[in-house]
Amino acid sequence: METNGKNRLDKDTLQLVLEEFTVEQKTTNQNIGELIIAIDNLGKKLDVFNEQQLAKSDVPISIDTAPVKSALEKGFLDIKYMIGREPKSVTRKLQILLFPEQDAKLFYKIVFGRWFLLAVALFALKFAYSWGLDYTQSMKEVQKQHLENEKIKQAWSYMYKHNGKATKTMMDKAYNFSDSEKDK
């Protein structure tokens, strides 16, 4: 998955570089066209000047422009070759990036490492909170049961102290019966 992302990143980077190169090449072609027009104008002016000088002087002046012409022709052929190789259709696409294109691994390491630590801390806090609620509920139930048992003991003691022998005997039988029921 990392190589696929890297290939995609390389492809996108290469596409952006090619688009910039295409724009620069078009600008260069326009500048070269303007230079050609300027050179042609200078050549015409030079020809007019040479004719005037030839008319004025007796010594003929000859200018060899063959090397300049061959260099210009070679440059034009190179430019035509570059233009022919450039991609014909340029598509622009709009991207909304949630993560950076460069150093994605470092980004994942830092951000998701912190997010993972935060998630673990939140999970631990939630678990501790849940355990604390259960513990307090259990303690409340124990206290309620303890208060209920205390009431029953007080009622038993009150009945045992304030009633006659027949009631005490019956209460002793019930007490002994409840002990035998626990053992079973």
N, C-alpha and C. Protein backbone atom coordinates (compact mmCIF):
# COMPACT_ATOMS: atom_id res chain seq x y z
N MET A 1 0.84 -1.19 0.00
CA MET A 1 0.00 0.00 0.00
C MET A 1 0.87 1.24 0.00
N GLU A 2 2.04 1.13 0.67
CA GLU A 2 2.93 2.29 0.72
C GLU A 2 3.55 2.55 -0.64
N THR A 3 3.91 1.49 -1.38
CA THR A 3 4.49 1.69 -2.71
C THR A 3 3.46 2.23 -3.68
N ASN A 4 2.20 1.80 -3.53
CA ASN A 4 1.13 2.31 -4.39
C ASN A 4 0.96 3.80 -4.15
N GLY A 5 0.95 4.21 -2.89
CA GLY A 5 0.84 5.63 -2.55
C GLY A 5 2.04 6.40 -3.06
N LYS A 6 3.23 5.78 -2.96
CA LYS A 6 4.44 6.45 -3.43
C LYS A 6 4.41 6.59 -4.95
N ASN A 7 3.98 5.52 -5.65
CA ASN A 7 3.86 5.59 -7.11
C ASN A 7 2.86 6.66 -7.50
N ARG A 8 1.77 6.73 -6.79
CA ARG A 8 0.74 7.75 -7.08
C ARG A 8 1.34 9.13 -6.85
N LEU A 9 2.10 9.28 -5.77
CA LEU A 9 2.74 10.55 -5.46
C LEU A 9 3.74 10.91 -6.55
N ASP A 10 4.56 9.93 -6.98
CA ASP A 10 5.52 10.17 -8.06
C ASP A 10 4.80 10.54 -9.35
N LYS A 11 3.71 9.85 -9.65
CA LYS A 11 2.95 10.12 -10.87
C LYS A 11 2.38 11.54 -10.84
N ASP A 12 1.79 11.92 -9.69
CA ASP A 12 1.23 13.27 -9.57
C ASP A 12 2.32 14.32 -9.67
N THR A 13 3.45 14.09 -9.04
CA THR A 13 4.56 15.04 -9.10
C THR A 13 5.07 15.17 -10.52
N LEU A 14 5.22 14.03 -11.21
CA LEU A 14 5.69 14.05 -12.59
C LEU A 14 4.70 14.79 -13.48
N GLN A 15 3.42 14.59 -13.25
CA GLN A 15 2.40 15.27 -14.05
C GLN A 15 2.48 16.78 -13.83
N LEU A 16 2.65 17.21 -12.58
CA LEU A 16 2.77 18.64 -12.31
C LEU A 16 4.00 19.23 -12.96
N VAL A 17 5.13 18.50 -12.93
CA VAL A 17 6.36 18.98 -13.56
C VAL A 17 6.17 19.10 -15.06
N LEU A 18 5.53 18.10 -15.66
CA LEU A 18 5.29 18.15 -17.10
C LEU A 18 4.37 19.30 -17.48
N GLU A 19 3.35 19.56 -16.66
CA GLU A 19 2.47 20.69 -16.95
C GLU A 19 3.24 22.00 -16.89
N GLU A 20 4.09 22.16 -15.89
CA GLU A 20 4.89 23.38 -15.78
C GLU A 20 5.86 23.49 -16.96
N PHE A 21 6.45 22.37 -17.35
CA PHE A 21 7.37 22.37 -18.49
C PHE A 21 6.64 22.78 -19.77
N THR A 22 5.40 22.30 -19.93
CA THR A 22 4.61 22.64 -21.11
C THR A 22 4.34 24.14 -21.17
N VAL A 23 3.97 24.71 -20.03
CA VAL A 23 3.71 26.15 -19.99
C VAL A 23 4.98 26.93 -20.30
N GLU A 24 6.10 26.52 -19.73
CA GLU A 24 7.38 27.19 -19.98
C GLU A 24 7.77 27.04 -21.45
N GLN A 25 7.52 25.87 -22.01
CA GLN A 25 7.87 25.63 -23.41
C GLN A 25 7.06 26.53 -24.34
N LYS A 26 5.78 26.70 -24.03
CA LYS A 26 4.94 27.57 -24.86
C LYS A 26 5.44 29.01 -24.78
N THR A 27 5.80 29.44 -23.57
CA THR A 27 6.35 30.79 -23.40
C THR A 27 7.65 30.93 -24.17
N THR A 28 8.49 29.92 -24.11
CA THR A 28 9.77 29.94 -24.84
C THR A 28 9.52 30.00 -26.34
N ASN A 29 8.56 29.24 -26.83
CA ASN A 29 8.23 29.26 -28.26
C ASN A 29 7.77 30.65 -28.70
N GLN A 30 6.96 31.30 -27.87
CA GLN A 30 6.51 32.65 -28.21
C GLN A 30 7.70 33.61 -28.26
N ASN A 31 8.58 33.48 -27.25
CA ASN A 31 9.77 34.35 -27.22
C ASN A 31 10.67 34.10 -28.44
N ILE A 32 10.82 32.84 -28.81
CA ILE A 32 11.65 32.51 -29.98
C ILE A 32 11.01 33.08 -31.25
N GLY A 33 9.68 32.98 -31.35
CA GLY A 33 8.99 33.55 -32.50
C GLY A 33 9.23 35.05 -32.59
N GLU A 34 9.15 35.72 -31.44
CA GLU A 34 9.42 37.16 -31.43
C GLU A 34 10.87 37.46 -31.81
N LEU A 35 11.79 36.61 -31.34
CA LEU A 35 13.20 36.78 -31.70
C LEU A 35 13.42 36.59 -33.20
N ILE A 36 12.72 35.64 -33.78
CA ILE A 36 12.86 35.40 -35.22
C ILE A 36 12.40 36.62 -35.99
N ILE A 37 11.25 37.17 -35.57
CA ILE A 37 10.75 38.38 -36.25
C ILE A 37 11.75 39.52 -36.10
N ALA A 38 12.30 39.66 -34.89
CA ALA A 38 13.28 40.73 -34.66
C ALA A 38 14.53 40.51 -35.49
N ILE A 39 14.98 39.24 -35.60
CA ILE A 39 16.17 38.93 -36.41
C ILE A 39 15.90 39.20 -37.88
N ASP A 40 14.70 38.84 -38.35
CA ASP A 40 14.34 39.12 -39.75
C ASP A 40 14.36 40.63 -40.01
N ASN A 41 13.79 41.38 -39.07
CA ASN A 41 13.79 42.85 -39.23
C ASN A 41 15.22 43.39 -39.25
N LEU A 42 16.05 42.87 -38.33
CA LEU A 42 17.45 43.30 -38.30
C LEU A 42 18.17 42.89 -39.58
N GLY A 43 17.85 41.70 -40.06
CA GLY A 43 18.46 41.24 -41.32
C GLY A 43 18.08 42.16 -42.48
N LYS A 44 16.81 42.56 -42.52
CA LYS A 44 16.37 43.48 -43.59
C LYS A 44 17.07 44.83 -43.45
N LYS A 45 17.14 45.31 -42.21
CA LYS A 45 17.83 46.58 -42.00
C LYS A 45 19.30 46.47 -42.35
N LEU A 46 19.90 45.31 -42.02
CA LEU A 46 21.31 45.10 -42.35
C LEU A 46 21.51 45.06 -43.85
N ASP A 47 20.58 44.40 -44.56
CA ASP A 47 20.66 44.36 -46.02
C ASP A 47 20.57 45.77 -46.61
N VAL A 48 19.61 46.56 -46.08
CA VAL A 48 19.46 47.94 -46.55
C VAL A 48 20.74 48.73 -46.24
N PHE A 49 21.26 48.55 -45.05
CA PHE A 49 22.49 49.24 -44.67
C PHE A 49 23.65 48.81 -45.55
N ASN A 50 23.76 47.50 -45.83
CA ASN A 50 24.85 47.01 -46.70
C ASN A 50 24.73 47.60 -48.11
N GLU A 51 23.52 47.68 -48.62
CA GLU A 51 23.33 48.26 -49.96
C GLU A 51 23.74 49.73 -49.97
N GLN A 52 23.40 50.43 -48.87
CA GLN A 52 23.80 51.83 -48.79
C GLN A 52 25.32 51.95 -48.70
N GLN A 53 25.93 51.08 -47.94
CA GLN A 53 27.38 51.13 -47.80
C GLN A 53 28.07 50.75 -49.11
N LEU A 54 27.50 49.78 -49.81
CA LEU A 54 28.08 49.38 -51.09
C LEU A 54 27.98 50.52 -52.10
N ALA A 55 26.86 51.21 -52.02
CA ALA A 55 26.69 52.34 -52.92
C ALA A 55 27.67 53.45 -52.58
N LYS A 56 27.99 53.65 -51.34
CA LYS A 56 28.90 54.70 -50.92
C LYS A 56 30.37 54.32 -51.08
N SER A 57 30.69 53.09 -50.84
CA SER A 57 32.12 52.71 -50.87
C SER A 57 32.43 51.86 -52.09
N ASP A 58 33.67 51.85 -52.40
CA ASP A 58 34.12 51.08 -53.54
C ASP A 58 34.50 49.67 -53.15
N VAL A 59 34.79 49.45 -51.85
CA VAL A 59 35.23 48.14 -51.39
C VAL A 59 33.99 47.31 -51.02
N PRO A 60 33.82 46.17 -51.68
CA PRO A 60 32.65 45.35 -51.36
C PRO A 60 32.81 44.66 -49.99
N ILE A 61 31.75 44.66 -49.22
CA ILE A 61 31.75 44.00 -47.91
C ILE A 61 30.84 42.77 -48.03
N SER A 62 31.38 41.63 -47.61
CA SER A 62 30.57 40.41 -47.65
C SER A 62 30.44 39.84 -46.23
N ILE A 63 29.25 39.47 -45.90
CA ILE A 63 28.97 38.89 -44.58
C ILE A 63 28.53 37.46 -44.79
N ASP A 64 29.16 36.55 -44.06
CA ASP A 64 28.81 35.14 -44.16
C ASP A 64 27.82 34.81 -43.03
N THR A 65 26.54 34.67 -43.35
CA THR A 65 25.50 34.37 -42.36
C THR A 65 25.13 32.89 -42.36
N ALA A 66 25.83 32.08 -43.07
CA ALA A 66 25.52 30.65 -43.15
C ALA A 66 25.63 29.96 -41.79
N PRO A 67 26.68 30.22 -40.98
CA PRO A 67 26.73 29.55 -39.67
C PRO A 67 25.58 29.98 -38.76
N VAL A 68 25.19 31.25 -38.80
CA VAL A 68 24.09 31.71 -37.97
C VAL A 68 22.79 31.06 -38.43
N LYS A 69 22.59 31.00 -39.75
CA LYS A 69 21.38 30.37 -40.28
C LYS A 69 21.31 28.90 -39.91
N SER A 70 22.44 28.19 -40.03
CA SER A 70 22.43 26.76 -39.70
C SER A 70 22.16 26.56 -38.20
N ALA A 71 22.72 27.43 -37.34
CA ALA A 71 22.47 27.32 -35.89
C ALA A 71 21.00 27.58 -35.58
N LEU A 72 20.42 28.60 -36.23
CA LEU A 72 19.01 28.90 -36.03
C LEU A 72 18.11 27.76 -36.53
N GLU A 73 18.44 27.20 -37.68
CA GLU A 73 17.66 26.08 -38.21
C GLU A 73 17.73 24.88 -37.28
N LYS A 74 18.93 24.62 -36.76
CA LYS A 74 19.08 23.50 -35.81
C LYS A 74 18.25 23.75 -34.55
N GLY A 75 18.28 24.99 -34.05
CA GLY A 75 17.48 25.35 -32.86
C GLY A 75 16.00 25.19 -33.12
N PHE A 76 15.55 25.63 -34.30
CA PHE A 76 14.14 25.49 -34.64
C PHE A 76 13.73 24.03 -34.76
N LEU A 77 14.61 23.20 -35.34
CA LEU A 77 14.30 21.77 -35.44
C LEU A 77 14.20 21.15 -34.05
N ASP A 78 15.10 21.56 -33.14
CA ASP A 78 15.03 21.05 -31.76
C ASP A 78 13.73 21.46 -31.08
N ILE A 79 13.33 22.70 -31.28
CA ILE A 79 12.09 23.20 -30.68
C ILE A 79 10.89 22.46 -31.25
N LYS A 80 10.86 22.25 -32.58
CA LYS A 80 9.76 21.50 -33.20
C LYS A 80 9.70 20.08 -32.66
N TYR A 81 10.87 19.48 -32.46
CA TYR A 81 10.93 18.12 -31.92
C TYR A 81 10.37 18.09 -30.50
N MET A 82 10.73 19.08 -29.67
CA MET A 82 10.22 19.14 -28.30
C MET A 82 8.72 19.36 -28.28
N ILE A 83 8.24 20.24 -29.17
CA ILE A 83 6.80 20.51 -29.23
C ILE A 83 6.06 19.26 -29.68
N GLY A 84 6.63 18.52 -30.61
CA GLY A 84 6.00 17.30 -31.09
C GLY A 84 5.93 16.23 -30.00
N ARG A 85 6.89 16.23 -29.08
CA ARG A 85 6.89 15.22 -28.02
C ARG A 85 6.02 15.59 -26.84
N GLU A 86 5.63 16.83 -26.68
CA GLU A 86 4.87 17.25 -25.52
C GLU A 86 3.48 16.63 -25.56
N PRO A 87 2.88 16.38 -24.39
CA PRO A 87 1.53 15.79 -24.37
C PRO A 87 0.52 16.75 -24.99
N LYS A 88 -0.40 16.17 -25.73
CA LYS A 88 -1.36 16.98 -26.48
C LYS A 88 -2.47 17.53 -25.58
N SER A 89 -2.98 16.70 -24.68
CA SER A 89 -4.08 17.19 -23.83
C SER A 89 -3.60 17.24 -22.39
N VAL A 90 -3.85 18.36 -21.78
CA VAL A 90 -3.50 18.55 -20.38
C VAL A 90 -4.79 18.66 -19.60
N THR A 91 -4.95 17.75 -18.64
CA THR A 91 -6.15 17.77 -17.82
C THR A 91 -5.76 18.26 -16.43
N ARG A 92 -6.58 19.14 -15.93
CA ARG A 92 -6.35 19.64 -14.58
C ARG A 92 -7.38 18.97 -13.67
N LYS A 93 -6.91 18.62 -12.49
CA LYS A 93 -7.84 18.02 -11.56
C LYS A 93 -7.72 18.72 -10.21
N LEU A 94 -8.84 18.80 -9.54
CA LEU A 94 -8.91 19.44 -8.24
C LEU A 94 -8.78 18.35 -7.17
N GLN A 95 -7.85 18.55 -6.25
CA GLN A 95 -7.64 17.58 -5.19
C GLN A 95 -7.83 18.26 -3.85
N ILE A 96 -8.48 17.54 -2.96
CA ILE A 96 -8.56 17.98 -1.57
C ILE A 96 -7.80 16.93 -0.77
N LEU A 97 -6.69 17.33 -0.23
CA LEU A 97 -5.83 16.40 0.48
C LEU A 97 -6.08 16.51 1.98
N LEU A 98 -6.36 15.36 2.58
CA LEU A 98 -6.51 15.32 4.03
C LEU A 98 -5.17 15.10 4.70
N PHE A 99 -4.24 14.54 3.96
CA PHE A 99 -2.92 14.24 4.50
C PHE A 99 -1.87 14.79 3.55
N PRO A 100 -0.70 15.10 4.05
CA PRO A 100 0.33 15.69 3.19
C PRO A 100 0.86 14.69 2.17
N GLU A 101 1.31 15.23 1.02
CA GLU A 101 1.86 14.35 -0.02
C GLU A 101 3.27 13.92 0.33
N GLN A 102 4.04 14.80 0.97
CA GLN A 102 5.39 14.45 1.36
C GLN A 102 5.39 14.04 2.83
N ASP A 103 6.29 13.16 3.16
CA ASP A 103 6.50 12.69 4.53
C ASP A 103 5.22 12.13 5.15
N ALA A 104 4.46 11.37 4.38
CA ALA A 104 3.21 10.79 4.88
C ALA A 104 3.50 9.80 6.01
N LYS A 105 4.59 9.06 5.90
CA LYS A 105 4.92 8.06 6.92
C LYS A 105 5.17 8.75 8.26
N LEU A 106 5.91 9.84 8.24
CA LEU A 106 6.17 10.60 9.46
C LEU A 106 4.87 11.16 10.01
N PHE A 107 4.01 11.65 9.12
CA PHE A 107 2.71 12.18 9.55
C PHE A 107 1.90 11.10 10.26
N TYR A 108 1.81 9.91 9.64
CA TYR A 108 1.07 8.82 10.25
C TYR A 108 1.69 8.42 11.59
N LYS A 109 3.00 8.40 11.65
CA LYS A 109 3.68 8.00 12.88
C LYS A 109 3.35 8.96 14.01
N ILE A 110 3.41 10.25 13.74
CA ILE A 110 3.19 11.24 14.80
C ILE A 110 1.71 11.34 15.15
N VAL A 111 0.89 11.60 14.13
CA VAL A 111 -0.53 11.87 14.40
C VAL A 111 -1.24 10.62 14.90
N PHE A 112 -1.11 9.52 14.18
CA PHE A 112 -1.84 8.33 14.60
C PHE A 112 -1.24 7.72 15.86
N GLY A 113 0.06 7.92 16.09
CA GLY A 113 0.65 7.48 17.35
C GLY A 113 0.01 8.21 18.51
N ARG A 114 -0.18 9.51 18.36
CA ARG A 114 -0.83 10.30 19.41
C ARG A 114 -2.30 9.95 19.51
N TRP A 115 -2.95 9.77 18.35
CA TRP A 115 -4.36 9.40 18.38
C TRP A 115 -4.56 8.06 19.05
N PHE A 116 -3.69 7.10 18.76
CA PHE A 116 -3.80 5.78 19.36
C PHE A 116 -3.62 5.88 20.87
N LEU A 117 -2.63 6.65 21.31
CA LEU A 117 -2.40 6.84 22.74
C LEU A 117 -3.61 7.51 23.38
N LEU A 118 -4.17 8.51 22.71
CA LEU A 118 -5.35 9.19 23.23
C LEU A 118 -6.54 8.22 23.29
N ALA A 119 -6.70 7.40 22.27
CA ALA A 119 -7.81 6.43 22.26
C ALA A 119 -7.66 5.43 23.40
N VAL A 120 -6.44 4.95 23.63
CA VAL A 120 -6.21 4.01 24.73
C VAL A 120 -6.50 4.69 26.07
N ALA A 121 -6.06 5.95 26.22
CA ALA A 121 -6.31 6.67 27.46
C ALA A 121 -7.82 6.86 27.67
N LEU A 122 -8.54 7.22 26.61
CA LEU A 122 -9.99 7.39 26.71
C LEU A 122 -10.68 6.06 27.05
N PHE A 123 -10.22 4.98 26.45
CA PHE A 123 -10.78 3.67 26.75
C PHE A 123 -10.53 3.32 28.21
N ALA A 124 -9.32 3.58 28.71
CA ALA A 124 -9.00 3.29 30.11
C ALA A 124 -9.86 4.15 31.04
N LEU A 125 -10.04 5.43 30.71
CA LEU A 125 -10.88 6.29 31.53
C LEU A 125 -12.33 5.81 31.54
N LYS A 126 -12.83 5.41 30.37
CA LYS A 126 -14.20 4.91 30.28
C LYS A 126 -14.36 3.64 31.11
N PHE A 127 -13.37 2.75 31.02
CA PHE A 127 -13.41 1.51 31.79
C PHE A 127 -13.37 1.82 33.29
N ALA A 128 -12.49 2.74 33.71
CA ALA A 128 -12.39 3.10 35.12
C ALA A 128 -13.68 3.76 35.60
N TYR A 129 -14.28 4.61 34.78
CA TYR A 129 -15.54 5.25 35.14
C TYR A 129 -16.65 4.21 35.29
N SER A 130 -16.72 3.29 34.34
CA SER A 130 -17.73 2.24 34.39
C SER A 130 -17.54 1.37 35.63
N TRP A 131 -16.30 1.02 35.91
CA TRP A 131 -16.00 0.20 37.09
C TRP A 131 -16.36 0.97 38.35
N GLY A 132 -16.07 2.27 38.38
CA GLY A 132 -16.40 3.09 39.55
C GLY A 132 -17.90 3.16 39.77
N LEU A 133 -18.67 3.31 38.70
CA LEU A 133 -20.14 3.31 38.84
C LEU A 133 -20.65 1.99 39.37
N ASP A 134 -20.14 0.89 38.83
CA ASP A 134 -20.56 -0.43 39.30
C ASP A 134 -20.20 -0.63 40.77
N TYR A 135 -19.02 -0.16 41.15
CA TYR A 135 -18.56 -0.31 42.54
C TYR A 135 -19.45 0.49 43.48
N THR A 136 -19.77 1.72 43.11
CA THR A 136 -20.62 2.54 43.99
C THR A 136 -22.03 1.95 44.07
N GLN A 137 -22.54 1.42 42.96
CA GLN A 137 -23.87 0.78 42.98
C GLN A 137 -23.85 -0.44 43.91
N SER A 138 -22.78 -1.22 43.82
CA SER A 138 -22.66 -2.41 44.66
C SER A 138 -22.59 -2.01 46.13
N MET A 139 -21.81 -0.97 46.42
CA MET A 139 -21.68 -0.53 47.81
C MET A 139 -23.01 -0.02 48.35
N LYS A 140 -23.80 0.67 47.52
CA LYS A 140 -25.11 1.13 47.95
C LYS A 140 -26.03 -0.04 48.26
N GLU A 141 -25.98 -1.05 47.40
CA GLU A 141 -26.80 -2.24 47.64
C GLU A 141 -26.38 -2.94 48.93
N VAL A 142 -25.07 -3.02 49.16
CA VAL A 142 -24.58 -3.65 50.39
C VAL A 142 -25.04 -2.85 51.60
N GLN A 143 -24.97 -1.52 51.52
CA GLN A 143 -25.41 -0.69 52.64
C GLN A 143 -26.91 -0.84 52.88
N LYS A 144 -27.70 -0.88 51.81
CA LYS A 144 -29.14 -1.08 51.95
C LYS A 144 -29.44 -2.42 52.63
N GLN A 145 -28.74 -3.45 52.17
CA GLN A 145 -28.95 -4.78 52.75
C GLN A 145 -28.52 -4.80 54.21
N HIS A 146 -27.43 -4.11 54.51
CA HIS A 146 -26.95 -4.06 55.89
C HIS A 146 -27.97 -3.34 56.77
N LEU A 147 -28.53 -2.21 56.29
CA LEU A 147 -29.55 -1.50 57.06
C LEU A 147 -30.80 -2.36 57.26
N GLU A 148 -31.18 -3.08 56.22
CA GLU A 148 -32.34 -3.97 56.33
C GLU A 148 -32.09 -5.06 57.36
N ASN A 149 -30.90 -5.63 57.33
CA ASN A 149 -30.55 -6.69 58.30
C ASN A 149 -30.53 -6.13 59.73
N GLU A 150 -30.03 -4.88 59.87
CA GLU A 150 -30.02 -4.26 61.20
C GLU A 150 -31.44 -4.07 61.71
N LYS A 151 -32.35 -3.64 60.83
CA LYS A 151 -33.76 -3.46 61.22
C LYS A 151 -34.35 -4.80 61.66
N ILE A 152 -34.05 -5.82 60.89
CA ILE A 152 -34.60 -7.15 61.22
C ILE A 152 -34.04 -7.61 62.56
N LYS A 153 -32.75 -7.40 62.81
CA LYS A 153 -32.14 -7.79 64.11
C LYS A 153 -32.79 -7.03 65.26
N GLN A 154 -32.98 -5.71 65.04
CA GLN A 154 -33.58 -4.91 66.10
C GLN A 154 -35.02 -5.36 66.36
N ALA A 155 -35.75 -5.65 65.29
CA ALA A 155 -37.13 -6.12 65.46
C ALA A 155 -37.14 -7.47 66.17
N TRP A 156 -36.24 -8.34 65.82
CA TRP A 156 -36.14 -9.67 66.44
C TRP A 156 -35.82 -9.53 67.94
N SER A 157 -34.84 -8.65 68.22
CA SER A 157 -34.46 -8.45 69.63
C SER A 157 -35.63 -7.84 70.42
N TYR A 158 -36.30 -6.87 69.83
CA TYR A 158 -37.45 -6.25 70.51
C TYR A 158 -38.52 -7.27 70.80
N MET A 159 -38.86 -8.11 69.80
CA MET A 159 -39.90 -9.13 69.97
C MET A 159 -39.46 -10.15 71.02
N TYR A 160 -38.16 -10.51 70.99
CA TYR A 160 -37.67 -11.53 71.91
C TYR A 160 -37.70 -11.02 73.35
N LYS A 161 -37.41 -9.73 73.56
CA LYS A 161 -37.37 -9.17 74.92
C LYS A 161 -38.77 -8.89 75.45
N HIS A 162 -39.68 -8.52 74.63
CA HIS A 162 -40.98 -8.04 75.11
C HIS A 162 -42.12 -9.06 74.97
N ASN A 163 -41.85 -10.27 74.62
CA ASN A 163 -42.92 -11.27 74.51
C ASN A 163 -42.71 -12.38 75.51
N GLY A 164 -43.69 -13.22 75.58
CA GLY A 164 -43.67 -14.30 76.57
C GLY A 164 -42.85 -15.49 76.12
N LYS A 165 -42.88 -16.54 77.00
CA LYS A 165 -42.07 -17.73 76.78
C LYS A 165 -42.51 -18.49 75.54
N ALA A 166 -43.76 -18.55 75.24
CA ALA A 166 -44.26 -19.28 74.08
C ALA A 166 -43.73 -18.63 72.79
N THR A 167 -43.74 -17.33 72.77
CA THR A 167 -43.26 -16.62 71.58
C THR A 167 -41.76 -16.81 71.44
N LYS A 168 -41.04 -16.79 72.59
CA LYS A 168 -39.59 -16.98 72.54
C LYS A 168 -39.25 -18.37 72.03
N THR A 169 -40.00 -19.38 72.44
CA THR A 169 -39.76 -20.74 71.99
C THR A 169 -40.00 -20.84 70.49
N MET A 170 -41.09 -20.23 70.04
CA MET A 170 -41.40 -20.26 68.62
C MET A 170 -40.30 -19.51 67.82
N MET A 171 -39.81 -18.44 68.38
CA MET A 171 -38.75 -17.67 67.69
C MET A 171 -37.45 -18.47 67.65
N ASP A 172 -37.15 -19.20 68.73
CA ASP A 172 -35.94 -20.04 68.76
C ASP A 172 -36.04 -21.15 67.73
N LYS A 173 -37.25 -21.76 67.58
CA LYS A 173 -37.44 -22.80 66.57
C LYS A 173 -37.21 -22.21 65.16
N ALA A 174 -37.73 -21.04 64.91
CA ALA A 174 -37.57 -20.40 63.60
C ALA A 174 -36.10 -20.09 63.35
N TYR A 175 -35.41 -19.65 64.40
CA TYR A 175 -33.99 -19.34 64.26
C TYR A 175 -33.18 -20.59 63.94
N ASN A 176 -33.46 -21.67 64.68
CA ASN A 176 -32.76 -22.94 64.44
C ASN A 176 -33.13 -23.52 63.07
N PHE A 177 -34.38 -23.36 62.65
CA PHE A 177 -34.82 -23.83 61.33
C PHE A 177 -34.08 -23.09 60.22
N SER A 178 -33.88 -21.78 60.40
CA SER A 178 -33.17 -21.01 59.38
C SER A 178 -31.70 -21.41 59.30
N ASP A 179 -31.09 -21.80 60.42
CA ASP A 179 -29.69 -22.27 60.40
C ASP A 179 -29.59 -23.60 59.65
N SER A 180 -30.56 -24.50 59.87
CA SER A 180 -30.53 -25.79 59.21
C SER A 180 -30.80 -25.64 57.69
N GLU A 181 -31.57 -24.64 57.30
CA GLU A 181 -31.85 -24.39 55.90
C GLU A 181 -30.59 -23.87 55.18
N LYS A 182 -29.77 -23.10 55.92
CA LYS A 182 -28.52 -22.60 55.32
C LYS A 182 -27.56 -23.73 55.01
N ASP A 183 -27.52 -24.74 55.84
CA ASP A 183 -26.59 -25.84 55.66
C ASP A 183 -26.95 -26.70 54.47
N LYS A 184 -28.19 -26.73 54.06
CA LYS A 184 -28.61 -27.57 52.95
C LYS A 184 -28.26 -27.00 51.65
